Amino acid sequence: MGQLRAFKDLIIDWEMTPEDAVAIYLEWGNNGYRGGYQHAVKGKEDHSHYFVVNTWNEKPVVTLLYRNSDGADELAELPLPEKLADTFLKGVYNHKGVYPVNDDVRQWLEKELYN
């Protein structure tokens, strides 16, 4: 795989969820809606790197995103290994959507990034 190793020096926000990203970067002033993020976005220089799992396609994929108040850029996209994909899909009851990574996906991503 190795594709993620190019991003090993980025600071990954492992706690960022798709919902948090919208609230923090796109809905200015809505920072404390869940109490998880205490910093306010002050400008375009504020940004995050985070992963999401997209289950809209036939097979789930993990996407590394860069987001600031201008929007999001997809930096990398990887299919989940079959066993991990099956487990993840069971965990979300096979619903279509964009989800935060769970612990199993995070462990796999950390191996892909740092090993």
N, C-alpha and C. Protein backbone atom coordinates (compact mmCIF):
# COMPACT_ATOMS: atom_id res chain seq x y z
N MET A 1 0.84 -1.19 0.00
CA MET A 1 0.00 0.00 0.00
C MET A 1 0.88 1.24 0.00
N GLY A 2 1.58 1.55 1.04
CA GLY A 2 2.55 2.62 1.04
C GLY A 2 2.07 4.00 0.67
N GLN A 3 0.90 4.13 0.10
CA GLN A 3 0.39 5.42 -0.35
C GLN A 3 0.32 6.43 0.79
N LEU A 4 0.01 5.99 1.98
CA LEU A 4 -0.14 6.91 3.10
C LEU A 4 1.19 7.37 3.68
N ARG A 5 2.24 6.65 3.44
CA ARG A 5 3.53 7.04 4.01
C ARG A 5 3.95 8.44 3.59
N ALA A 6 3.48 8.89 2.46
CA ALA A 6 3.79 10.25 2.00
C ALA A 6 3.21 11.30 2.95
N PHE A 7 2.25 10.91 3.79
CA PHE A 7 1.58 11.84 4.69
C PHE A 7 1.94 11.61 6.15
N LYS A 8 3.00 10.86 6.41
CA LYS A 8 3.35 10.48 7.78
C LYS A 8 3.73 11.66 8.66
N ASP A 9 4.13 12.77 8.08
CA ASP A 9 4.53 13.93 8.88
C ASP A 9 3.37 14.87 9.21
N LEU A 10 2.19 14.59 8.68
CA LEU A 10 1.03 15.42 8.99
C LEU A 10 0.56 15.15 10.41
N ILE A 11 0.00 16.15 11.03
CA ILE A 11 -0.65 15.96 12.33
C ILE A 11 -2.08 15.55 12.04
N ILE A 12 -2.41 14.31 12.36
CA ILE A 12 -3.75 13.77 12.10
C ILE A 12 -4.63 14.03 13.32
N ASP A 13 -5.79 14.58 13.09
CA ASP A 13 -6.76 14.78 14.16
C ASP A 13 -7.64 13.53 14.20
N TRP A 14 -7.27 12.57 15.03
CA TRP A 14 -7.97 11.29 15.10
C TRP A 14 -9.35 11.43 15.72
N GLU A 15 -9.63 12.52 16.39
CA GLU A 15 -10.93 12.71 17.03
C GLU A 15 -11.93 13.43 16.12
N MET A 16 -11.46 13.99 15.03
CA MET A 16 -12.35 14.74 14.12
C MET A 16 -13.36 13.80 13.48
N THR A 17 -14.60 14.22 13.50
CA THR A 17 -15.67 13.48 12.83
C THR A 17 -16.18 14.34 11.68
N PRO A 18 -16.90 13.74 10.73
CA PRO A 18 -17.47 14.56 9.66
C PRO A 18 -18.39 15.66 10.22
N GLU A 19 -19.14 15.34 11.27
CA GLU A 19 -20.05 16.33 11.86
C GLU A 19 -19.28 17.47 12.50
N ASP A 20 -18.20 17.13 13.21
CA ASP A 20 -17.37 18.17 13.83
C ASP A 20 -16.75 19.07 12.77
N ALA A 21 -16.28 18.49 11.69
CA ALA A 21 -15.65 19.28 10.63
C ALA A 21 -16.62 20.30 10.06
N VAL A 22 -17.85 19.89 9.84
CA VAL A 22 -18.86 20.83 9.33
C VAL A 22 -19.11 21.93 10.35
N ALA A 23 -19.30 21.54 11.61
CA ALA A 23 -19.60 22.53 12.64
C ALA A 23 -18.46 23.51 12.84
N ILE A 24 -17.24 23.02 12.86
CA ILE A 24 -16.09 23.87 13.16
C ILE A 24 -15.68 24.74 11.98
N TYR A 25 -15.65 24.17 10.79
CA TYR A 25 -15.11 24.89 9.64
C TYR A 25 -16.15 25.53 8.73
N LEU A 26 -17.35 25.03 8.74
CA LEU A 26 -18.34 25.55 7.80
C LEU A 26 -19.49 26.30 8.47
N GLU A 27 -19.73 26.02 9.74
CA GLU A 27 -20.79 26.71 10.47
C GLU A 27 -20.14 27.60 11.51
N TRP A 28 -19.58 28.71 11.05
CA TRP A 28 -18.82 29.61 11.92
C TRP A 28 -19.61 29.93 13.18
N GLY A 29 -18.94 29.82 14.31
CA GLY A 29 -19.55 30.18 15.58
C GLY A 29 -20.25 29.02 16.26
N ASN A 30 -20.29 27.86 15.63
CA ASN A 30 -20.98 26.71 16.20
C ASN A 30 -19.98 25.75 16.85
N ASN A 31 -18.87 26.28 17.34
CA ASN A 31 -17.77 25.43 17.80
C ASN A 31 -18.10 24.56 18.99
N GLY A 32 -18.93 25.01 19.91
CA GLY A 32 -19.15 24.26 21.12
C GLY A 32 -20.40 23.41 21.09
N TYR A 33 -20.86 23.04 19.91
CA TYR A 33 -22.14 22.34 19.83
C TYR A 33 -22.13 21.01 20.56
N ARG A 34 -20.97 20.34 20.64
CA ARG A 34 -20.87 19.10 21.40
C ARG A 34 -19.84 19.21 22.51
N GLY A 35 -19.20 20.35 22.58
CA GLY A 35 -18.23 20.56 23.64
C GLY A 35 -16.88 19.91 23.42
N GLY A 36 -16.67 19.26 22.30
CA GLY A 36 -15.43 18.55 22.07
C GLY A 36 -14.27 19.42 21.63
N TYR A 37 -14.55 20.50 20.92
CA TYR A 37 -13.49 21.35 20.40
C TYR A 37 -13.61 22.72 21.03
N GLN A 38 -12.53 23.14 21.66
CA GLN A 38 -12.54 24.41 22.38
C GLN A 38 -11.97 25.55 21.54
N HIS A 39 -11.25 25.22 20.48
CA HIS A 39 -10.64 26.29 19.68
C HIS A 39 -11.62 26.79 18.62
N ALA A 40 -11.61 28.06 18.43
CA ALA A 40 -12.45 28.65 17.38
C ALA A 40 -11.60 28.81 16.12
N VAL A 41 -12.21 28.58 15.00
CA VAL A 41 -11.54 28.80 13.72
C VAL A 41 -11.48 30.31 13.50
N LYS A 42 -10.28 30.81 13.35
CA LYS A 42 -10.11 32.26 13.21
C LYS A 42 -9.93 32.70 11.77
N GLY A 43 -9.52 31.76 10.92
CA GLY A 43 -9.28 32.12 9.53
C GLY A 43 -8.90 30.91 8.71
N LYS A 44 -8.56 31.16 7.46
CA LYS A 44 -8.25 30.08 6.52
C LYS A 44 -6.99 29.30 6.88
N GLU A 45 -6.13 29.91 7.71
CA GLU A 45 -4.90 29.20 8.10
C GLU A 45 -5.19 28.09 9.11
N ASP A 46 -6.33 28.12 9.79
CA ASP A 46 -6.73 27.05 10.68
C ASP A 46 -7.22 25.87 9.84
N HIS A 47 -6.70 24.68 10.11
CA HIS A 47 -7.04 23.53 9.29
C HIS A 47 -6.90 22.23 10.09
N SER A 48 -7.39 21.17 9.52
CA SER A 48 -7.27 19.83 10.10
C SER A 48 -6.99 18.81 9.01
N HIS A 49 -6.29 17.75 9.40
CA HIS A 49 -6.12 16.56 8.58
C HIS A 49 -6.80 15.43 9.34
N TYR A 50 -7.69 14.74 8.69
CA TYR A 50 -8.43 13.66 9.37
C TYR A 50 -8.91 12.65 8.34
N PHE A 51 -9.31 11.49 8.85
CA PHE A 51 -9.80 10.41 8.01
C PHE A 51 -11.31 10.23 8.19
N VAL A 52 -11.96 9.80 7.12
CA VAL A 52 -13.36 9.38 7.17
C VAL A 52 -13.49 8.06 6.43
N VAL A 53 -14.54 7.32 6.77
CA VAL A 53 -14.86 6.09 6.06
C VAL A 53 -16.13 6.35 5.27
N ASN A 54 -16.06 6.14 3.97
CA ASN A 54 -17.19 6.38 3.07
C ASN A 54 -17.77 5.02 2.65
N THR A 55 -19.05 4.81 2.98
CA THR A 55 -19.69 3.53 2.64
C THR A 55 -20.71 3.67 1.53
N TRP A 56 -20.69 4.76 0.81
CA TRP A 56 -21.67 4.98 -0.26
C TRP A 56 -21.42 4.08 -1.47
N ASN A 57 -20.18 3.72 -1.71
CA ASN A 57 -19.86 2.90 -2.87
C ASN A 57 -20.02 1.42 -2.53
N GLU A 58 -19.78 0.58 -3.51
CA GLU A 58 -19.91 -0.86 -3.32
C GLU A 58 -19.01 -1.37 -2.19
N LYS A 59 -17.79 -0.86 -2.13
CA LYS A 59 -16.83 -1.23 -1.09
C LYS A 59 -16.45 0.02 -0.31
N PRO A 60 -16.37 -0.07 1.02
CA PRO A 60 -15.98 1.10 1.84
C PRO A 60 -14.56 1.55 1.53
N VAL A 61 -14.37 2.85 1.54
CA VAL A 61 -13.05 3.44 1.35
C VAL A 61 -12.77 4.41 2.49
N VAL A 62 -11.50 4.57 2.78
CA VAL A 62 -11.05 5.54 3.77
C VAL A 62 -10.41 6.70 3.01
N THR A 63 -10.78 7.91 3.39
CA THR A 63 -10.24 9.09 2.72
C THR A 63 -9.53 9.97 3.75
N LEU A 64 -8.32 10.41 3.39
CA LEU A 64 -7.59 11.40 4.18
C LEU A 64 -7.97 12.76 3.64
N LEU A 65 -8.47 13.62 4.53
CA LEU A 65 -8.93 14.94 4.13
C LEU A 65 -8.11 16.04 4.75
N TYR A 66 -7.95 17.13 4.01
CA TYR A 66 -7.46 18.40 4.54
C TYR A 66 -8.66 19.33 4.50
N ARG A 67 -8.98 19.97 5.62
CA ARG A 67 -10.13 20.87 5.64
C ARG A 67 -9.76 22.17 6.33
N ASN A 68 -10.20 23.25 5.70
CA ASN A 68 -10.20 24.56 6.34
C ASN A 68 -11.54 25.23 6.02
N SER A 69 -11.67 26.49 6.31
CA SER A 69 -12.96 27.15 6.11
C SER A 69 -13.32 27.33 4.64
N ASP A 70 -12.37 27.11 3.73
CA ASP A 70 -12.67 27.18 2.30
C ASP A 70 -13.27 25.89 1.76
N GLY A 71 -13.07 24.80 2.48
CA GLY A 71 -13.59 23.52 2.01
C GLY A 71 -12.64 22.39 2.35
N ALA A 72 -12.78 21.29 1.63
CA ALA A 72 -11.97 20.10 1.90
C ALA A 72 -11.30 19.62 0.63
N ASP A 73 -10.11 19.08 0.80
CA ASP A 73 -9.38 18.45 -0.29
C ASP A 73 -9.11 17.01 0.10
N GLU A 74 -9.36 16.09 -0.82
CA GLU A 74 -9.04 14.68 -0.60
C GLU A 74 -7.57 14.47 -0.93
N LEU A 75 -6.80 14.04 0.06
CA LEU A 75 -5.38 13.83 -0.14
C LEU A 75 -5.05 12.40 -0.56
N ALA A 76 -5.81 11.45 -0.04
CA ALA A 76 -5.58 10.04 -0.37
C ALA A 76 -6.86 9.26 -0.13
N GLU A 77 -7.02 8.19 -0.90
CA GLU A 77 -8.18 7.33 -0.73
C GLU A 77 -7.72 5.88 -0.85
N LEU A 78 -8.15 5.06 0.13
CA LEU A 78 -7.74 3.66 0.16
C LEU A 78 -8.95 2.78 0.43
N PRO A 79 -9.04 1.66 -0.26
CA PRO A 79 -10.10 0.71 0.09
C PRO A 79 -9.76 0.03 1.42
N LEU A 80 -10.76 -0.22 2.21
CA LEU A 80 -10.55 -0.98 3.45
C LEU A 80 -10.29 -2.44 3.09
N PRO A 81 -9.38 -3.10 3.79
CA PRO A 81 -9.21 -4.53 3.59
C PRO A 81 -10.56 -5.23 3.85
N GLU A 82 -10.80 -6.32 3.14
CA GLU A 82 -12.13 -6.95 3.14
C GLU A 82 -12.65 -7.29 4.54
N LYS A 83 -11.82 -7.90 5.36
CA LYS A 83 -12.26 -8.27 6.71
C LYS A 83 -12.61 -7.03 7.54
N LEU A 84 -11.78 -6.01 7.45
CA LEU A 84 -12.02 -4.77 8.17
C LEU A 84 -13.27 -4.07 7.64
N ALA A 85 -13.46 -4.11 6.33
CA ALA A 85 -14.65 -3.52 5.71
C ALA A 85 -15.91 -4.21 6.20
N ASP A 86 -15.89 -5.53 6.24
CA ASP A 86 -17.06 -6.29 6.71
C ASP A 86 -17.40 -5.93 8.15
N THR A 87 -16.39 -5.87 8.99
CA THR A 87 -16.61 -5.53 10.40
C THR A 87 -17.14 -4.11 10.54
N PHE A 88 -16.57 -3.19 9.78
CA PHE A 88 -17.02 -1.80 9.85
C PHE A 88 -18.47 -1.69 9.41
N LEU A 89 -18.79 -2.32 8.29
CA LEU A 89 -20.17 -2.26 7.79
C LEU A 89 -21.17 -2.84 8.79
N LYS A 90 -20.80 -3.93 9.44
CA LYS A 90 -21.68 -4.49 10.47
C LYS A 90 -21.89 -3.48 11.59
N GLY A 91 -20.83 -2.75 11.93
CA GLY A 91 -20.90 -1.77 13.01
C GLY A 91 -21.81 -0.59 12.72
N VAL A 92 -22.01 -0.30 11.43
CA VAL A 92 -22.91 0.79 11.04
C VAL A 92 -24.20 0.23 10.42
N TYR A 93 -24.44 -1.06 10.67
CA TYR A 93 -25.67 -1.74 10.21
C TYR A 93 -25.86 -1.64 8.70
N ASN A 94 -24.74 -1.66 7.97
CA ASN A 94 -24.73 -1.60 6.51
C ASN A 94 -25.39 -0.35 5.94
N HIS A 95 -25.43 0.71 6.73
CA HIS A 95 -26.00 1.98 6.25
C HIS A 95 -24.98 2.70 5.37
N LYS A 96 -25.50 3.40 4.39
CA LYS A 96 -24.66 4.23 3.53
C LYS A 96 -24.40 5.55 4.25
N GLY A 97 -23.18 6.05 4.13
CA GLY A 97 -22.85 7.31 4.76
C GLY A 97 -21.36 7.57 4.81
N VAL A 98 -21.00 8.65 5.48
CA VAL A 98 -19.61 9.02 5.72
C VAL A 98 -19.44 9.06 7.23
N TYR A 99 -18.49 8.26 7.73
CA TYR A 99 -18.35 8.03 9.16
C TYR A 99 -16.94 8.36 9.64
N PRO A 100 -16.82 8.64 10.94
CA PRO A 100 -15.47 8.73 11.51
C PRO A 100 -14.85 7.34 11.58
N VAL A 101 -13.54 7.29 11.67
CA VAL A 101 -12.87 5.99 11.79
C VAL A 101 -13.13 5.42 13.19
N ASN A 102 -13.24 4.11 13.27
CA ASN A 102 -13.34 3.45 14.57
C ASN A 102 -11.94 3.01 15.00
N ASP A 103 -11.83 2.37 16.15
CA ASP A 103 -10.52 1.98 16.67
C ASP A 103 -9.78 1.01 15.76
N ASP A 104 -10.51 0.05 15.18
CA ASP A 104 -9.87 -0.93 14.30
C ASP A 104 -9.32 -0.27 13.04
N VAL A 105 -10.09 0.62 12.46
CA VAL A 105 -9.64 1.32 11.25
C VAL A 105 -8.46 2.22 11.60
N ARG A 106 -8.52 2.87 12.74
CA ARG A 106 -7.40 3.74 13.14
C ARG A 106 -6.12 2.93 13.28
N GLN A 107 -6.18 1.77 13.92
CA GLN A 107 -4.99 0.94 14.08
C GLN A 107 -4.41 0.56 12.73
N TRP A 108 -5.28 0.19 11.79
CA TRP A 108 -4.82 -0.17 10.45
C TRP A 108 -4.17 1.04 9.76
N LEU A 109 -4.81 2.21 9.89
CA LEU A 109 -4.27 3.42 9.27
C LEU A 109 -2.93 3.82 9.86
N GLU A 110 -2.80 3.70 11.16
CA GLU A 110 -1.52 4.03 11.79
C GLU A 110 -0.40 3.11 11.28
N LYS A 111 -0.70 1.84 11.07
CA LYS A 111 0.30 0.94 10.49
C LYS A 111 0.66 1.37 9.07
N GLU A 112 -0.36 1.75 8.30
CA GLU A 112 -0.10 2.19 6.93
C GLU A 112 0.70 3.49 6.88
N LEU A 113 0.46 4.37 7.84
CA LEU A 113 1.16 5.66 7.88
C LEU A 113 2.60 5.54 8.37
N TYR A 114 2.81 4.78 9.42
CA TYR A 114 4.07 4.86 10.16
C TYR A 114 4.97 3.64 10.03
N ASN A 115 4.53 2.58 9.40
CA ASN A 115 5.38 1.39 9.27
C ASN A 115 5.93 1.25 7.87
